[in-house]
Protein backbone atom coordinates (compact mmCIF):
# COMPACT_ATOMS: atom_id res chain seq x y z
CA MET A 1 0.00 0.00 0.00
CA PHE A 2 2.89 2.34 0.82
CA ILE A 3 4.49 1.80 -2.56
CA PHE A 4 1.17 2.27 -4.36
CA HIS A 5 0.59 5.54 -2.55
CA LYS A 6 4.05 6.79 -3.48
CA LEU A 7 3.67 5.73 -7.09
CA SER A 8 0.30 7.44 -7.30
CA SER A 9 1.89 10.67 -6.08
CA ILE A 10 4.66 10.36 -8.61
CA MET A 11 2.26 9.68 -11.47
CA PHE A 12 0.07 12.58 -10.38
CA LEU A 13 3.08 14.91 -10.40
CA LEU A 14 4.11 13.61 -13.81
CA PHE A 15 0.57 14.11 -15.07
CA ILE A 16 0.58 17.73 -13.87
CA ILE A 17 3.89 18.41 -15.64
CA VAL A 18 2.86 16.80 -18.93
CA VAL A 19 -0.59 18.42 -19.03
CA PHE A 20 0.19 21.93 -17.84
CA PHE A 21 3.77 22.55 -19.02
CA PRO A 22 2.78 23.23 -22.66
CA TYR A 23 0.50 26.01 -21.40
CA LEU A 24 3.36 27.46 -19.35
CA VAL A 25 5.57 27.38 -22.43
CA LYS A 26 2.96 29.16 -24.53
CA SER A 27 2.59 31.85 -21.86
CA ARG A 28 6.02 33.09 -22.99
CA ILE A 29 6.24 33.56 -26.74
CA PHE A 30 9.50 32.12 -28.06
CA ILE A 31 11.02 33.61 -31.19
CA TYR A 32 14.31 31.73 -31.62
CA TYR A 33 17.27 30.28 -29.80
CA GLY A 34 20.77 29.23 -30.77
CA CYS A 35 23.57 27.35 -29.02
CA SER A 36 27.19 26.51 -29.74
CA GLN A 37 28.08 22.87 -30.35
CA GLU A 38 31.17 23.30 -28.19
CA LYS A 39 30.41 22.38 -24.58
CA PHE A 40 32.13 23.25 -21.31
CA GLN A 41 32.69 20.92 -18.40
CA PRO A 42 30.63 21.37 -15.22
CA ASN A 43 32.20 22.89 -12.12
CA THR A 44 34.67 24.95 -14.13
CA PRO A 45 35.46 28.70 -13.90
CA PHE A 46 33.44 29.27 -17.08
CA GLU A 47 30.32 27.79 -15.50
CA THR A 48 30.84 29.98 -12.44
CA ASN A 49 31.16 33.07 -14.63
CA LEU A 50 28.11 32.08 -16.69
CA ASN A 51 25.99 31.78 -13.56
CA SER A 52 27.25 35.17 -12.40
CA LEU A 53 26.42 36.68 -15.80
CA LEU A 54 22.86 35.34 -15.79
CA SER A 55 22.36 36.67 -12.26
CA LEU A 56 23.60 40.08 -13.41
CA PHE A 57 21.05 40.04 -16.23
CA VAL A 58 18.20 39.63 -13.76
CA SER A 59 19.43 42.15 -11.20
CA SER A 60 20.31 44.80 -13.78
CA SER A 61 16.98 44.46 -15.58
CA SER A 62 15.24 46.01 -12.57
CA GLN A 63 17.13 49.23 -13.36
CA ALA A 64 17.58 49.30 -17.13
CA LEU A 65 16.09 47.74 -20.26
CA TYR A 66 19.55 46.98 -21.66
CA ASN A 67 23.00 46.18 -20.32
CA SER A 68 26.12 44.28 -21.32
CA PHE A 69 28.84 42.61 -19.27
CA ALA A 70 32.24 40.98 -19.59
CA ILE A 71 33.44 38.57 -16.91
CA GLY A 72 36.79 36.81 -16.61
CA ASN A 73 38.43 38.82 -19.38
CA ASP A 74 41.12 40.47 -17.24
CA THR A 75 44.78 39.65 -17.74
CA ASN A 76 45.01 37.54 -14.57
CA ALA A 77 42.15 35.22 -15.54
CA SER A 78 42.33 32.14 -17.72
CA PRO A 79 41.18 32.80 -21.32
CA GLU A 80 38.97 29.72 -21.04
CA SER A 81 36.86 31.38 -18.36
CA ALA A 82 36.03 34.60 -20.25
CA ILE A 83 32.40 35.27 -21.07
CA TYR A 84 30.60 38.21 -22.68
CA GLY A 85 26.88 38.82 -22.64
CA LEU A 86 23.97 41.19 -22.91
CA TYR A 87 20.26 41.36 -22.34
CA GLN A 88 17.70 43.69 -23.84
CA CYS A 89 14.00 44.24 -23.32
CA ARG A 90 11.58 45.76 -25.77
CA GLY A 91 11.63 49.53 -25.53
CA ASP A 92 8.00 49.91 -24.51
CA LEU A 93 8.30 47.71 -21.40
CA ARG A 94 8.28 48.85 -17.80
CA THR A 95 11.30 47.72 -15.80
CA LEU A 96 9.09 45.37 -13.75
CA ASP A 97 7.88 43.63 -16.92
CA CYS A 98 11.43 43.62 -18.24
CA THR A 99 12.65 41.80 -15.16
CA LYS A 100 9.91 39.19 -15.46
CA CYS A 101 10.82 38.57 -19.08
CA ILE A 102 14.55 38.31 -18.34
CA GLU A 103 13.87 35.94 -15.44
CA GLY A 104 11.93 33.73 -17.83
CA ALA A 105 14.64 33.84 -20.48
CA VAL A 106 17.41 33.08 -17.97
CA SER A 107 15.48 30.13 -16.56
CA GLN A 108 15.00 28.66 -20.05
CA VAL A 109 18.39 29.26 -21.62
CA GLY A 110 19.91 26.54 -19.45
CA LEU A 111 17.38 24.05 -20.82
CA THR A 112 17.83 25.06 -24.44
CA CYS A 113 21.64 25.41 -24.32
CA PRO A 114 22.98 23.08 -21.59
CA TYR A 115 26.74 23.45 -21.04
CA SER A 116 27.12 25.54 -24.22
CA TYR A 117 29.90 28.10 -24.54
CA SER A 118 27.52 30.35 -26.50
CA GLY A 119 23.77 30.78 -26.33
CA SER A 120 21.02 33.20 -27.25
CA LEU A 121 17.32 33.13 -26.48
CA GLN A 122 14.87 35.61 -27.96
CA LEU A 123 11.43 35.89 -26.42
CA ASP A 124 8.71 38.16 -27.71
CA LYS A 125 9.69 40.96 -25.33
CA CYS A 126 13.34 40.34 -24.43
CA LEU A 127 16.63 38.76 -25.46
CA VAL A 128 19.54 37.21 -23.55
CA ARG A 129 22.82 36.30 -25.23
CA PHE A 130 26.23 35.12 -24.05
CA GLU A 131 29.39 34.20 -25.93
CA HIS A 132 32.86 32.86 -25.19
CA PHE A 133 34.31 35.65 -27.37
CA ASP A 134 33.86 39.43 -27.40
CA PHE A 135 30.96 40.13 -29.77
CA LEU A 136 29.81 43.36 -28.14
CA GLY A 137 29.51 46.33 -30.50
CA LYS A 138 30.37 44.31 -33.61
CA LEU A 139 27.79 44.52 -36.40
CA ASP A 140 26.08 41.22 -37.20
CA THR A 141 23.12 41.16 -39.60
CA ASP A 142 22.66 37.39 -39.87
CA LEU A 143 19.00 36.38 -40.17
CA ARG A 144 17.87 34.56 -37.02
CA PHE A 145 14.10 34.35 -37.54
CA LYS A 146 11.40 35.41 -39.98
CA LYS A 147 7.64 35.12 -39.96
CA CYS A 148 5.23 36.17 -42.69
CA SER A 149 1.44 36.09 -42.63
CA LYS A 150 -0.38 33.78 -45.02
CA SER A 151 -2.76 36.60 -45.94
CA VAL A 152 -1.49 38.31 -49.07
CA SER A 153 -2.48 41.75 -50.32
CA HIS A 154 -2.13 42.95 -53.90
CA ASP A 155 -3.37 46.42 -53.03
CA MET A 156 -0.61 48.71 -54.29
CA GLN A 157 -1.74 51.56 -52.08
CA SER A 158 -1.46 49.36 -48.99
CA LEU A 159 2.00 48.21 -50.07
CA ARG A 160 3.13 51.81 -50.49
CA ARG A 161 1.89 52.62 -47.00
CA ARG A 162 3.69 49.53 -45.74
CA ASP A 163 6.91 50.62 -47.41
CA ASP A 164 6.56 54.15 -45.97
CA VAL A 165 6.23 52.66 -42.48
CA LEU A 166 9.29 50.47 -43.03
CA ILE A 167 11.35 53.45 -44.18
CA GLU A 168 10.43 55.38 -41.03
CA LEU A 169 11.20 52.35 -38.86
CA GLY A 170 14.64 52.19 -40.46
CA GLU A 171 15.47 55.71 -39.31
CA THR A 172 15.46 54.94 -35.60
CA ASN A 173 19.26 55.42 -35.19
CA MET A 174 19.00 53.96 -31.69
CA GLY A 175 16.34 52.73 -29.33
CA PHE A 176 12.78 51.66 -29.94
CA ARG A 177 10.62 53.17 -32.67
CA VAL A 178 6.90 52.81 -33.42
CA ARG A 179 5.28 54.04 -36.62
CA SER A 180 1.89 53.75 -38.34
CA SER A 181 0.17 54.81 -41.54
CA SER A 182 -3.56 54.27 -41.81
CA SER A 183 -4.05 50.57 -40.92
CA ILE A 184 -0.34 49.71 -41.22
CA GLU A 185 1.62 49.63 -37.97
CA GLY A 186 5.08 48.51 -36.95
CA PHE A 187 8.02 48.84 -34.60
CA SER A 188 11.76 48.31 -34.69
CA GLN A 189 14.69 48.16 -32.30
CA CYS A 190 18.46 47.74 -32.33
CA LEU A 191 20.55 46.19 -29.60
CA GLY A 192 22.08 48.74 -27.28
CA ASP A 193 25.67 47.82 -28.14
CA LEU A 194 25.38 49.13 -31.72
CA SER A 195 26.54 52.54 -32.87
CA PRO A 196 23.93 54.73 -34.65
CA ASN A 197 25.49 54.00 -38.06
CA ASP A 198 25.59 50.24 -37.44
CA CYS A 199 22.01 50.38 -36.17
CA ASN A 200 20.90 52.02 -39.42
CA SER A 201 22.79 49.38 -41.41
CA CYS A 202 21.13 46.59 -39.48
CA LEU A 203 17.65 48.06 -39.93
CA SER A 204 18.25 48.59 -43.65
CA GLU A 205 19.06 44.89 -43.90
CA ALA A 206 15.90 44.08 -41.94
CA ILE A 207 13.79 46.10 -44.41
CA ALA A 208 15.37 44.30 -47.36
CA ASN A 209 14.63 40.94 -45.73
CA LEU A 210 11.01 41.85 -45.02
CA LYS A 211 10.41 42.91 -48.62
CA ASN A 212 12.22 39.92 -50.12
CA LEU A 213 10.98 37.21 -47.76
CA CYS A 214 7.47 38.42 -46.98
CA GLY A 215 6.65 40.08 -50.29
CA SER A 216 3.13 41.46 -50.11
CA SER A 217 2.16 39.73 -46.86
CA LYS A 218 0.03 41.85 -44.58
CA ALA A 219 2.24 41.06 -41.58
CA GLY A 220 5.91 40.25 -41.24
CA ASP A 221 8.58 39.85 -38.56
CA VAL A 222 12.33 39.77 -39.14
CA PHE A 223 14.85 39.23 -36.36
CA LEU A 224 18.51 39.73 -37.22
CA ALA A 225 21.34 39.12 -34.78
CA GLN A 226 21.35 42.75 -33.55
CA CYS A 227 18.04 44.29 -34.60
CA TYR A 228 14.49 43.42 -35.46
CA MET A 229 11.53 44.91 -37.28
CA ARG A 230 7.83 44.07 -37.37
CA TYR A 231 4.89 45.38 -39.35
CA TRP A 232 1.26 44.36 -39.56
CA THR A 233 -2.07 45.41 -41.00
CA SER A 234 -4.88 45.79 -38.49
CA GLY A 235 -6.60 42.44 -38.02
CA TYR A 236 -3.73 40.37 -39.45
CA TYR A 237 -1.03 40.43 -36.81
CA ASP A 238 -2.32 37.35 -34.95
CA SER A 239 -3.36 35.42 -38.05
CA PRO A 240 -1.81 32.00 -38.91
CA SER A 241 1.69 32.48 -40.23
CA GLU A 242 4.67 30.75 -41.78
CA SER A 243 7.85 30.94 -39.75
CA SER A 244 11.45 29.83 -39.99
CA GLY A 245 11.12 27.38 -37.12
CA GLY A 246 11.40 29.44 -33.95
CA ASP A 247 7.96 28.24 -32.80
CA ASP A 248 9.46 24.80 -32.27
CA VAL A 249 11.40 26.03 -29.24
CA GLY A 250 8.45 25.58 -26.92
CA LYS A 251 7.95 22.05 -28.20
CA THR A 252 11.64 21.31 -27.71
CA ILE A 253 11.61 22.50 -24.11
CA ALA A 254 8.41 20.60 -23.42
CA ILE A 255 10.03 17.41 -24.74
CA VAL A 256 13.17 17.99 -22.65
CA VAL A 257 11.19 18.56 -19.48
CA GLY A 258 8.96 15.57 -20.26
CA VAL A 259 12.00 13.33 -20.67
CA ILE A 260 13.54 14.63 -17.44
CA ALA A 261 10.28 14.09 -15.58
CA GLY A 262 9.97 10.57 -16.97
CA LEU A 263 13.53 9.66 -16.01
CA THR A 264 13.03 11.11 -12.53
CA ALA A 265 9.87 9.06 -12.03
CA PHE A 266 11.64 5.93 -13.29
CA ILE A 267 14.58 6.43 -10.91
CA ILE A 268 12.26 6.96 -7.95
CA LEU A 269 10.28 3.86 -8.94
CA ILE A 270 13.44 1.72 -9.04
CA SER A 271 14.55 3.14 -5.68
CA LEU A 272 11.22 2.34 -4.03
CA CYS A 273 11.17 -1.16 -5.48
CA ARG A 274 14.63 -1.85 -4.05
CA LYS A 275 13.54 -0.65 -0.61
CA SER A 276 10.30 -2.66 -0.57
CA PRO A 277 10.18 -6.02 1.25
CA GLY A 278 10.85 -8.95 -1.06
């Protein structure tokens, strides 16, 4: 009876995780993530510095929407322990909401990039990124994620308004910019480590990607390594869309957690069976 009671508790806990975790994942909208294939060993100076960096992200986000850090890069430290990182929240967030978003990103980046020397995780409202090398302030316009609505417009007037909005979004220089024209709306933002000129270059590349990849779609998102831009027509922003695969992050994390939960339940089951009489 004792074993049955314990197993029932375990299965109930596993049931709760399997049933409710997908809803928890969907409560934070994932955009993309990326990890290095090179892994570090646990209990090393790099792991210590990584944990310190992630803690700095959370504490600093209560004061500012963006910050960058370098740890272990002084001359007395081992080159293997150096780590560079930044976080950034969307420019229209309050610091309280920024902190909540960064806390969520920090808690998930360990699941998506376990023991990785480099990792980045972009949520709908914030980004965290860390690298083993100094990437701060260096222009990078690689495409990380794109999403285009399935609804297509051939209205030339609407496309001209869309293009006018994109041009204005590309003139942000720095910070967060929101623009609209009739029913067309959009916003853009560069990472805080970019210079004004590099920010303009990144946003120009984002505009080119939106036009080339999304064509005449009524909504489009493009996330480059150091900037992003979104536009939508009223009533189309939340419509079904085609993406480059970032939506699979939630599924990946759900699978990882499910596997961990299953292994944990199996280990506890074996332990209880060994302790039971006979």
